[in-house]
Amino acid sequence: MKYILIFLLCFAYQGISQNKINKVTYNRVVNLEAIKENLKDDFSESSLKKIVEGADKNKHLSYSLVFDANQSYFTLNDIKITLDSDNEQNELNKLIKRAKHQKYYVNLKENRTLYAMTMGGEKLLVVDSTKQLNWKLTKDYKKIGDYTCFKAQLLNGSEVLAYKDGIAIEAWYTPQIPVPFGPLQFEGLPGLILEVNVGNNTYFASEIKFDVDHKIEQPTEGKEVQRKTFFSEIKANLEARIKRAKQSRQ
C-alpha cells in the first residue's frame, strides 16, 4: 500500500508543552480484498458484497487527534462529500452519522478513558482506566515524513475495546513526539502513534500541527457502562450475527 504523507508543521518540534494544544489528522484505508477473503466463509455472497461496499466508503473519512501533555481526544472530522449516485450518498451519510458518535478521550492525570458511541439507538459512555496494553516493542523502524518511527505489536487484540482475539494490530510510533497517544483507543507507547494497522484497516497521519487553536473535549453524553461489561455484550452480538449468517446459508 502506498500513500503520500505530507506534514504541515507550524514550527520545528521542540517538546510538548503542558498547555499547548496539538492536532494530528488521520486518514483511513481498508484492504477490501482481505475482507472478502476473511469473511467469505461467514457470509453469503450478497451480504459480503454489501459489507465490502460499505467498507470502501471509509476512504472518504478523516479523523483528528487533539492532545496536550496529559490528555487526548479523537473524533471524526466534518465531511462534505457528494457522490454520483443517491444510493451511495445515502450509505455514506449513514456511515458518517454512526462515526460522528464515536469519540475517544484519554486523561492521564485522572487515569481515565471514555468512549462515546451509540448502540441500538442508545447513547453510551464506556468508562475505563487508562489501559496498560501489552505492546511488544521491536527494533524495526521507518521514516514517516520527518519522523523516525518504530514498530510495536499488540499481542492480544481483545485487550482493546471490541477487538477480537487473534486480530493483528501493529503501530508505528515516534519518540520524537513523546506522548503516549494515538488514533482510536490505542495508547501507551513511548511516542505518538503516526500509523496503526488493525486487521484490514490502516489509519495513517496525514498532517501534524503544533500549538493550534482547539479545545480538548471530554464526552459527557450517554449512559455510563464499564468497558468489561460493554465488551462482553459486543462480543456476544458479533458471535450471534455470524451464527445467523451461517444458518441463513444452510
Protein backbone atom coordinates (compact mmCIF):
# COMPACT_ATOMS: atom_id res chain seq x y z
CA MET A 1 0.00 0.00 0.00
CA LYS A 2 1.41 3.37 -0.93
CA TYR A 3 0.28 6.81 0.03
CA ILE A 4 1.72 10.28 0.13
CA LEU A 5 2.23 11.65 3.63
CA ILE A 6 2.56 15.41 3.96
CA PHE A 7 3.28 17.12 7.25
CA LEU A 8 2.45 20.79 7.69
CA LEU A 9 4.39 21.96 10.72
CA CYS A 10 3.75 25.29 12.42
CA PHE A 11 7.27 25.21 13.86
CA ALA A 12 10.09 22.76 14.43
CA TYR A 13 9.16 20.43 17.25
CA GLN A 14 10.99 21.22 20.49
CA GLY A 15 8.79 19.41 23.02
CA ILE A 16 5.17 19.07 24.10
CA SER A 17 4.21 21.99 26.28
CA GLN A 18 1.85 21.38 29.19
CA ASN A 19 -0.64 23.97 27.94
CA LYS A 20 -0.19 23.88 24.18
CA ILE A 21 -2.77 22.04 22.09
CA ASN A 22 -1.61 19.98 19.11
CA LYS A 23 -3.50 18.24 16.33
CA VAL A 24 -2.94 15.22 14.10
CA THR A 25 -5.16 14.43 11.11
CA TYR A 26 -5.54 10.74 10.23
CA ASN A 27 -6.93 9.14 7.11
CA ARG A 28 -8.17 5.59 6.77
CA VAL A 29 -7.78 2.96 4.08
CA VAL A 30 -9.32 -0.51 4.01
CA ASN A 31 -7.94 -3.69 2.42
CA LEU A 32 -11.08 -4.78 0.57
CA GLU A 33 -9.55 -7.97 -0.86
CA ALA A 34 -8.59 -9.13 2.64
CA ILE A 35 -12.16 -8.53 3.86
CA LYS A 36 -13.51 -10.71 1.05
CA GLU A 37 -11.08 -13.49 1.87
CA ASN A 38 -11.53 -13.37 5.65
CA LEU A 39 -15.34 -13.26 5.63
CA LYS A 40 -16.18 -15.47 2.67
CA ASP A 41 -16.96 -18.46 4.90
CA ASP A 42 -19.15 -16.48 7.31
CA PHE A 43 -21.44 -14.51 4.99
CA SER A 44 -23.38 -15.09 1.80
CA GLU A 45 -22.12 -13.56 -1.45
CA SER A 46 -24.77 -10.83 -1.41
CA SER A 47 -24.13 -9.98 2.25
CA LEU A 48 -20.39 -9.94 1.70
CA LYS A 49 -20.83 -7.59 -1.26
CA LYS A 50 -22.71 -5.11 0.94
CA ILE A 51 -20.03 -5.35 3.63
CA VAL A 52 -17.26 -4.62 1.11
CA GLU A 53 -19.17 -1.75 -0.47
CA GLY A 54 -19.73 -0.23 2.96
CA ALA A 55 -16.07 -0.66 3.93
CA ASP A 56 -14.92 1.05 0.74
CA LYS A 57 -16.70 4.26 1.77
CA ASN A 58 -14.35 4.62 4.74
CA LYS A 59 -11.78 6.09 2.33
CA HIS A 60 -13.80 9.32 2.44
CA LEU A 61 -13.40 9.72 6.20
CA SER A 62 -10.72 11.62 8.11
CA TYR A 63 -10.19 12.00 11.84
CA SER A 64 -8.48 14.32 14.29
CA LEU A 65 -6.46 13.61 17.41
CA VAL A 66 -6.18 16.73 19.56
CA PHE A 67 -3.78 16.46 22.51
CA ASP A 68 -1.58 18.16 25.05
CA ALA A 69 0.86 16.61 27.50
CA ASN A 70 -1.87 14.98 29.63
CA GLN A 71 -4.99 14.29 27.57
CA SER A 72 -6.19 13.48 24.09
CA TYR A 73 -9.45 13.47 22.12
CA PHE A 74 -10.05 11.51 18.89
CA THR A 75 -13.05 12.10 16.66
CA LEU A 76 -14.34 12.24 13.09
CA ASN A 77 -13.75 15.41 11.09
CA ASP A 78 -16.62 17.27 9.44
CA ILE A 79 -17.07 15.90 5.93
CA LYS A 80 -18.88 17.32 2.91
CA ILE A 81 -18.69 14.88 0.00
CA THR A 82 -21.19 14.42 -2.83
CA LEU A 83 -21.19 11.03 -4.57
CA ASP A 84 -22.57 10.31 -8.02
CA SER A 85 -25.43 8.03 -7.04
CA ASP A 86 -28.15 8.77 -4.48
CA ASN A 87 -27.83 5.27 -3.05
CA GLU A 88 -24.09 5.65 -2.49
CA GLN A 89 -24.65 9.08 -0.97
CA ASN A 90 -27.26 7.72 1.43
CA GLU A 91 -24.97 4.90 2.52
CA LEU A 92 -22.10 7.34 3.08
CA ASN A 93 -24.37 9.61 5.11
CA LYS A 94 -25.32 6.65 7.34
CA LEU A 95 -21.65 5.80 7.84
CA ILE A 96 -20.82 9.40 8.76
CA LYS A 97 -23.76 9.57 11.17
CA ARG A 98 -22.56 6.46 13.01
CA ALA A 99 -18.93 7.56 13.05
CA LYS A 100 -19.79 11.01 14.41
CA HIS A 101 -21.00 9.44 17.65
CA GLN A 102 -17.69 7.63 18.20
CA LYS A 103 -15.35 9.71 20.36
CA TYR A 104 -12.34 8.62 22.37
CA TYR A 105 -10.92 10.57 25.30
CA VAL A 106 -7.86 9.82 27.45
CA ASN A 107 -6.85 11.63 30.63
CA LEU A 108 -3.51 10.55 32.08
CA LYS A 109 -3.76 12.58 35.28
CA GLU A 110 -7.15 11.10 36.16
CA ASN A 111 -6.22 7.62 34.87
CA ARG A 112 -9.42 7.53 32.85
CA THR A 113 -10.61 6.80 29.33
CA LEU A 114 -14.02 7.49 27.83
CA TYR A 115 -15.52 6.06 24.65
CA ALA A 116 -18.74 7.70 23.46
CA MET A 117 -20.83 5.79 20.93
CA THR A 118 -24.35 4.62 20.07
CA MET A 119 -25.67 1.06 20.00
CA GLY A 120 -29.22 0.21 19.08
CA GLY A 121 -30.09 3.90 19.04
CA GLU A 122 -28.91 4.37 22.65
CA LYS A 123 -26.06 6.70 23.53
CA LEU A 124 -23.41 5.04 25.66
CA LEU A 125 -20.35 6.30 27.51
CA VAL A 126 -17.90 3.45 28.02
CA VAL A 127 -15.71 4.11 31.05
CA ASP A 128 -12.35 2.55 31.85
CA SER A 129 -8.98 3.31 33.40
CA THR A 130 -6.07 4.07 31.10
CA LYS A 131 -5.05 0.68 29.81
CA GLN A 132 -1.59 -0.85 30.12
CA LEU A 133 -1.71 -2.58 26.76
CA ASN A 134 0.64 -5.49 26.21
CA TRP A 135 2.69 -3.90 23.43
CA LYS A 136 5.72 -5.73 22.09
CA LEU A 137 8.34 -3.15 21.10
CA THR A 138 10.55 -4.07 18.14
CA LYS A 139 13.71 -2.66 16.59
CA ASP A 140 12.03 -2.24 13.21
CA TYR A 141 11.87 1.37 12.12
CA LYS A 142 10.97 3.54 9.16
CA LYS A 143 10.63 7.21 8.31
CA ILE A 144 7.16 8.73 8.23
CA GLY A 145 7.51 12.27 6.99
CA ASP A 146 10.29 13.85 9.06
CA TYR A 147 9.91 11.39 11.92
CA THR A 148 11.71 8.15 12.72
CA CYS A 149 9.06 5.66 13.79
CA PHE A 150 9.40 2.29 15.50
CA LYS A 151 7.08 -0.69 15.17
CA ALA A 152 5.12 -2.10 18.09
CA GLN A 153 2.80 -5.10 18.03
CA LEU A 154 -0.18 -5.72 20.27
CA LEU A 155 -0.11 -9.35 21.28
CA ASN A 156 -3.75 -9.68 22.26
CA GLY A 157 -6.35 -7.70 20.35
CA SER A 158 -9.03 -8.48 22.91
CA GLU A 159 -7.25 -6.12 25.34
CA VAL A 160 -8.65 -3.25 23.29
CA LEU A 161 -12.31 -2.33 23.21
CA ALA A 162 -14.35 -4.53 20.86
CA TYR A 163 -11.43 -6.18 19.05
CA LYS A 164 -11.49 -9.95 18.87
CA ASP A 165 -8.77 -12.40 19.84
CA GLY A 166 -6.15 -13.02 17.19
CA ILE A 167 -6.62 -9.79 15.25
CA ALA A 168 -3.33 -8.35 14.01
CA ILE A 169 -2.57 -4.90 15.47
CA GLU A 170 0.61 -3.08 14.52
CA ALA A 171 1.54 0.50 15.39
CA TRP A 172 4.31 2.85 14.31
CA TYR A 173 5.21 5.47 16.93
CA THR A 174 7.78 8.25 17.11
CA PRO A 175 9.75 9.03 20.30
CA GLN A 176 10.38 12.48 18.77
CA ILE A 177 6.89 13.40 19.99
CA PRO A 178 6.95 11.81 23.47
CA VAL A 179 3.25 11.45 24.30
CA PRO A 180 1.51 8.05 24.71
CA PHE A 181 -1.46 8.87 22.45
CA GLY A 182 -2.72 7.65 19.11
CA PRO A 183 -5.82 7.12 16.96
CA LEU A 184 -8.87 5.31 18.29
CA GLN A 185 -8.23 3.72 21.69
CA PHE A 186 -4.58 2.88 21.02
CA GLU A 187 -2.26 4.34 23.63
CA GLY A 188 0.60 3.59 25.97
CA LEU A 189 3.60 3.66 23.64
CA PRO A 190 6.71 5.81 24.26
CA GLY A 191 5.75 8.22 21.49
CA LEU A 192 2.88 9.46 19.35
CA ILE A 193 1.39 6.80 17.05
CA LEU A 194 1.53 8.00 13.44
CA GLU A 195 0.22 4.80 11.85
CA VAL A 196 -1.75 1.82 13.12
CA ASN A 197 -2.78 -1.30 11.21
CA VAL A 198 -5.83 -3.03 12.69
CA GLY A 199 -6.82 -6.14 10.80
CA ASN A 200 -7.94 -4.86 7.39
CA ASN A 201 -7.78 -1.17 8.34
CA THR A 202 -4.91 1.31 8.32
CA TYR A 203 -5.06 4.72 10.00
CA PHE A 204 -2.19 7.00 9.00
CA ALA A 205 -1.25 10.54 9.92
CA SER A 206 -1.52 12.95 7.01
CA GLU A 207 -0.93 16.22 8.88
CA ILE A 208 0.53 17.38 12.18
CA LYS A 209 0.14 20.87 13.62
CA PHE A 210 1.53 22.16 16.89
CA ASP A 211 0.12 24.92 19.09
CA VAL A 212 -3.31 25.11 17.45
CA ASP A 213 -6.45 26.95 18.48
CA HIS A 214 -8.51 23.94 19.57
CA LYS A 215 -10.12 22.58 22.70
CA ILE A 216 -9.82 19.08 24.08
CA GLU A 217 -13.37 17.94 24.64
CA GLN A 218 -14.47 15.39 27.19
CA PRO A 219 -17.52 13.33 26.13
CA THR A 220 -20.34 13.61 28.64
CA GLU A 221 -23.47 12.31 26.89
CA GLY A 222 -24.68 8.75 27.25
CA LYS A 223 -25.43 6.05 29.74
CA GLU A 224 -22.27 5.09 31.61
CA VAL A 225 -21.16 1.47 31.29
CA GLN A 226 -17.92 -0.23 32.31
CA ARG A 227 -15.68 -1.42 29.48
CA LYS A 228 -15.68 -5.09 30.56
CA THR A 229 -19.49 -5.21 30.56
CA PHE A 230 -19.73 -3.46 27.22
CA PHE A 231 -17.06 -5.63 25.62
CA SER A 232 -18.90 -8.80 26.62
CA GLU A 233 -22.09 -7.51 25.00
CA ILE A 234 -20.30 -6.52 21.79
CA LYS A 235 -18.60 -9.91 21.53
CA ALA A 236 -21.91 -11.74 22.08
CA ASN A 237 -23.66 -9.61 19.46
CA LEU A 238 -20.92 -10.27 16.90
CA GLU A 239 -20.97 -14.01 17.52
CA ALA A 240 -24.78 -14.04 17.19
CA ARG A 241 -24.58 -12.13 13.91
CA ILE A 242 -22.09 -14.59 12.42
CA LYS A 243 -24.18 -17.53 13.64
CA ARG A 244 -27.33 -16.13 11.98
CA ALA A 245 -25.44 -15.52 8.75
CA LYS A 246 -24.17 -19.12 8.67
CA GLN A 247 -27.64 -20.52 9.42
CA SER A 248 -29.19 -18.49 6.58
CA ARG A 249 -26.75 -20.14 4.14
CA GLN A 250 -27.71 -23.69 5.14
